[in-house]
Amino acid sequence: MTASARIRLAIPVSALVLLYGFSLWVLTPTIPALPAIQGAWLMPAQPLPEFELEQHDGPAVTPGTLPDSWHLLSYGFTHCPDICPTTLVEIAQFKRSLKEQSRFTDLNVYFYTVDPERDSLMQLADYLPWFHPDFSGWRAADKQQASTFESALGIHARVTRDSQGSVQVTHGLKLFLLNDEGHLQAVLEPTRAITGRLYFEPDRLLQDYLTIRHWANNNQL
């Protein structure tokens, strides 16, 4: 093949490559830019595996019972001396502020216990109304259900008992937002104070929640 022939063939091939790339750019659906939140979006939202949890004020919770409403999930244990009750107070303040909004008030708030051996349904029923009358408690009836649910959301917790029977519980601090299909849409992170203390700001929670709902509504998620 002569040099002139190679040049003549190279031009159409280059043109085809450019045309192919342009067609992919045009035909591939694009997701509008996600607004900033104090946490992480899951795009697409993550479906949850099959699980079944007990609920202190209602029937068993499964992936099939979650659609049609949005849900905010906290976690901890009722014997927690500081972080868990503080977080529930902060969420309660956020929930009361949300009630004053004109839209997106269809949010259920749940508390999942990582210490089901001590946190019975009765214990949850006695504990949660101190923070808000609408808070509902979830617990796993066995270790397999706990492992499945916690792994799906990324809940990190450890319960240990020493030789004297004293129980120690360590766990992370995040909030999980499930959309109206029952899928995990976002994970909200706490604020870190200069002292290192972690906490949730009710106003920031409200801002991030409304941002997510507005974006999801406008983009038909």
Protein backbone atom coordinates (compact mmCIF):
# COMPACT_ATOMS: atom_id res chain seq x y z
CA MET A 1 0.00 0.00 0.00
CA THR A 2 1.38 3.42 -0.96
CA ALA A 3 1.67 6.32 1.47
CA SER A 4 -1.09 8.22 -0.32
CA ALA A 5 -3.43 5.22 -0.04
CA ARG A 6 -2.75 4.91 3.68
CA ILE A 7 -3.63 8.59 4.18
CA ARG A 8 -6.87 8.20 2.22
CA LEU A 9 -7.90 5.22 4.42
CA ALA A 10 -6.91 6.86 7.71
CA ILE A 11 -9.26 9.80 7.25
CA PRO A 12 -12.49 7.73 7.05
CA VAL A 13 -11.43 5.52 9.99
CA SER A 14 -10.75 8.57 12.16
CA ALA A 15 -14.09 10.02 11.16
CA LEU A 16 -15.86 6.81 12.14
CA VAL A 17 -14.18 6.76 15.54
CA LEU A 18 -15.26 10.33 16.20
CA LEU A 19 -18.80 9.60 15.03
CA TYR A 20 -19.00 6.52 17.27
CA GLY A 21 -17.79 8.48 20.29
CA PHE A 22 -20.26 11.28 19.61
CA SER A 23 -23.15 8.79 19.32
CA LEU A 24 -22.27 7.28 22.71
CA TRP A 25 -22.21 10.73 24.29
CA VAL A 26 -25.62 11.57 22.83
CA LEU A 27 -27.32 8.26 23.57
CA THR A 28 -25.93 7.59 27.08
CA PRO A 29 -28.32 8.98 29.71
CA THR A 30 -26.69 11.45 32.06
CA ILE A 31 -27.51 12.05 35.71
CA PRO A 32 -27.77 15.72 36.65
CA ALA A 33 -25.12 16.90 39.06
CA LEU A 34 -25.87 15.89 42.63
CA PRO A 35 -26.17 18.73 45.14
CA ALA A 36 -23.76 18.71 48.07
CA ILE A 37 -24.86 17.15 51.35
CA GLN A 38 -23.03 16.33 54.56
CA GLY A 39 -22.72 12.69 53.68
CA ALA A 40 -22.83 10.49 50.60
CA TRP A 41 -25.38 9.86 47.86
CA LEU A 42 -25.96 6.34 46.57
CA MET A 43 -26.61 6.54 42.85
CA PRO A 44 -28.44 4.51 41.91
CA ALA A 45 -30.09 3.94 45.26
CA GLN A 46 -29.13 0.58 46.77
CA PRO A 47 -31.85 -2.09 47.17
CA LEU A 48 -31.73 -3.99 50.45
CA PRO A 49 -31.49 -7.79 50.64
CA GLU A 50 -34.21 -9.89 52.19
CA PHE A 51 -34.44 -9.42 55.96
CA GLU A 52 -37.02 -9.45 58.72
CA LEU A 53 -36.87 -7.31 61.84
CA GLU A 54 -39.18 -6.94 64.80
CA GLN A 55 -40.83 -3.56 65.38
CA HIS A 56 -41.91 -2.46 68.82
CA ASP A 57 -45.13 -0.77 67.69
CA GLY A 58 -46.12 -2.62 64.53
CA PRO A 59 -45.76 -5.69 62.34
CA ALA A 60 -42.45 -7.18 61.24
CA VAL A 61 -40.29 -5.03 58.94
CA THR A 62 -39.16 -6.43 55.60
CA PRO A 63 -38.05 -4.82 52.32
CA GLY A 64 -41.67 -5.20 51.17
CA THR A 65 -43.03 -3.00 53.99
CA LEU A 66 -40.79 -0.01 53.22
CA PRO A 67 -42.08 1.41 49.89
CA ASP A 68 -44.45 4.41 49.67
CA SER A 69 -42.73 6.49 52.35
CA TRP A 70 -39.24 7.80 53.07
CA HIS A 71 -37.42 6.54 56.17
CA LEU A 72 -34.59 7.85 58.36
CA LEU A 73 -32.77 5.20 60.37
CA SER A 74 -30.55 5.74 63.39
CA TYR A 75 -28.89 2.99 65.39
CA GLY A 76 -27.41 2.36 68.81
CA PHE A 77 -28.60 0.80 72.07
CA THR A 78 -30.87 1.90 74.88
CA HIS A 79 -28.21 1.58 77.62
CA CYS A 80 -25.99 4.06 75.78
CA PRO A 81 -25.04 6.86 78.21
CA ASP A 82 -24.43 9.72 75.80
CA ILE A 83 -24.16 9.43 72.00
CA CYS A 84 -27.42 7.57 71.34
CA PRO A 85 -29.74 9.75 73.45
CA THR A 86 -28.04 12.90 72.19
CA THR A 87 -28.52 11.79 68.58
CA LEU A 88 -32.18 10.97 69.19
CA VAL A 89 -32.73 14.42 70.71
CA GLU A 90 -31.14 16.01 67.64
CA ILE A 91 -33.29 13.93 65.29
CA ALA A 92 -36.39 14.84 67.30
CA GLN A 93 -35.59 18.53 66.86
CA PHE A 94 -35.14 17.96 63.13
CA LYS A 95 -38.43 16.05 62.95
CA ARG A 96 -40.34 18.88 64.65
CA SER A 97 -38.82 21.41 62.24
CA LEU A 98 -39.77 19.20 59.32
CA LYS A 99 -43.39 19.19 60.45
CA GLU A 100 -43.49 22.94 59.79
CA GLN A 101 -42.53 22.46 56.13
CA SER A 102 -45.11 22.47 53.35
CA ARG A 103 -43.67 19.43 51.53
CA PHE A 104 -41.83 16.17 52.12
CA THR A 105 -43.13 15.60 55.63
CA ASP A 106 -43.79 11.91 54.87
CA LEU A 107 -40.73 10.71 56.77
CA ASN A 108 -40.69 7.85 59.26
CA VAL A 109 -37.92 7.75 61.86
CA TYR A 110 -36.58 4.45 63.20
CA PHE A 111 -34.04 3.40 65.81
CA TYR A 112 -32.32 0.05 65.23
CA THR A 113 -30.72 -1.56 68.26
CA VAL A 114 -27.31 -3.18 67.87
CA ASP A 115 -27.80 -4.80 71.31
CA PRO A 116 -30.93 -6.94 70.86
CA GLU A 117 -30.06 -9.28 73.76
CA ARG A 118 -30.74 -6.47 76.23
CA ASP A 119 -33.04 -4.32 74.09
CA SER A 120 -36.33 -6.18 74.00
CA LEU A 121 -39.40 -4.81 72.25
CA MET A 122 -40.69 -3.69 75.63
CA GLN A 123 -37.42 -1.89 76.36
CA LEU A 124 -37.63 -0.05 73.03
CA ALA A 125 -41.27 0.83 73.70
CA ASP A 126 -40.31 2.37 77.05
CA TYR A 127 -37.25 4.18 75.72
CA LEU A 128 -38.13 5.85 72.43
CA PRO A 129 -41.22 7.90 73.44
CA TRP A 130 -38.97 9.96 75.73
CA PHE A 131 -37.54 11.49 72.56
CA HIS A 132 -40.48 11.62 70.16
CA PRO A 133 -43.87 9.87 70.15
CA ASP A 134 -43.50 8.83 66.51
CA PHE A 135 -40.12 7.11 66.78
CA SER A 136 -40.27 3.37 66.19
CA GLY A 137 -37.75 0.77 67.33
CA TRP A 138 -36.39 -2.16 65.32
CA ARG A 139 -34.51 -5.22 66.52
CA ALA A 140 -33.23 -8.45 64.99
CA ALA A 141 -34.55 -11.66 66.49
CA ASP A 142 -31.38 -13.61 65.69
CA LYS A 143 -27.75 -13.06 64.71
CA GLN A 144 -28.29 -13.99 61.06
CA GLN A 145 -30.94 -11.32 60.56
CA ALA A 146 -28.77 -8.79 62.39
CA SER A 147 -25.76 -9.61 60.22
CA THR A 148 -27.75 -9.38 56.99
CA PHE A 149 -29.32 -6.04 57.83
CA GLU A 150 -26.22 -4.41 59.30
CA SER A 151 -23.99 -5.53 56.44
CA ALA A 152 -26.44 -4.17 53.85
CA LEU A 153 -26.41 -0.69 55.38
CA GLY A 154 -22.83 -0.61 56.58
CA ILE A 155 -23.66 -0.49 60.28
CA HIS A 156 -20.52 -1.07 62.33
CA ALA A 157 -21.10 -2.29 65.87
CA ARG A 158 -19.51 -4.67 68.36
CA VAL A 159 -20.98 -6.08 71.55
CA THR A 160 -18.64 -7.81 74.02
CA ARG A 161 -19.12 -9.24 77.52
CA ASP A 162 -16.26 -9.66 80.00
CA SER A 163 -15.79 -12.40 82.60
CA GLN A 164 -17.78 -10.40 85.17
CA GLY A 165 -20.72 -10.10 82.78
CA SER A 166 -20.20 -6.42 82.01
CA VAL A 167 -21.33 -5.51 78.49
CA GLN A 168 -19.39 -3.13 76.28
CA VAL A 169 -20.92 -1.79 73.05
CA THR A 170 -19.04 0.19 70.41
CA HIS A 171 -20.64 1.47 67.22
CA GLY A 172 -20.36 4.09 64.52
CA LEU A 173 -22.48 7.20 64.04
CA LYS A 174 -24.37 7.66 60.77
CA LEU A 175 -27.95 8.14 59.60
CA PHE A 176 -29.41 6.18 56.70
CA LEU A 177 -32.05 7.64 54.40
CA LEU A 178 -34.24 5.18 52.51
CA ASN A 179 -36.36 6.40 49.61
CA ASP A 180 -39.99 5.55 48.85
CA GLU A 181 -38.94 2.36 47.08
CA GLY A 182 -37.26 1.14 50.24
CA HIS A 183 -33.79 1.63 48.74
CA LEU A 184 -30.84 3.26 50.48
CA GLN A 185 -30.56 6.73 48.92
CA ALA A 186 -28.06 8.52 51.15
CA VAL A 187 -25.88 8.18 54.22
CA LEU A 188 -25.72 11.30 56.39
CA GLU A 189 -22.58 12.07 58.37
CA PRO A 190 -22.30 13.94 61.69
CA THR A 191 -20.52 17.21 62.30
CA ARG A 192 -17.19 17.01 64.12
CA ALA A 193 -16.60 19.68 66.76
CA ILE A 194 -13.15 21.17 67.44
CA THR A 195 -13.00 18.93 70.50
CA GLY A 196 -13.57 15.86 68.31
CA ARG A 197 -17.13 15.30 69.50
CA LEU A 198 -19.51 14.06 66.80
CA TYR A 199 -23.07 15.33 66.63
CA PHE A 200 -25.90 16.03 64.19
CA GLU A 201 -27.07 19.58 63.67
CA PRO A 202 -30.89 19.60 63.34
CA ASP A 203 -30.83 22.52 60.89
CA ARG A 204 -28.23 20.78 58.75
CA LEU A 205 -30.26 17.56 58.79
CA LEU A 206 -33.30 19.49 57.62
CA GLN A 207 -31.34 21.21 54.86
CA ASP A 208 -29.79 17.97 53.59
CA TYR A 209 -33.04 16.02 53.77
CA LEU A 210 -34.98 18.67 51.84
CA THR A 211 -32.15 18.93 49.30
CA ILE A 212 -32.31 15.19 48.67
CA ARG A 213 -36.09 15.14 48.43
CA HIS A 214 -36.25 18.12 46.06
CA TRP A 215 -33.56 16.62 43.84
CA ALA A 216 -35.18 13.19 43.82
CA ASN A 217 -38.60 14.70 43.08
CA ASN A 218 -37.33 16.84 40.22
CA ASN A 219 -35.37 13.97 38.69
CA GLN A 220 -38.07 11.36 39.24
CA LEU A 221 -35.94 8.95 41.25
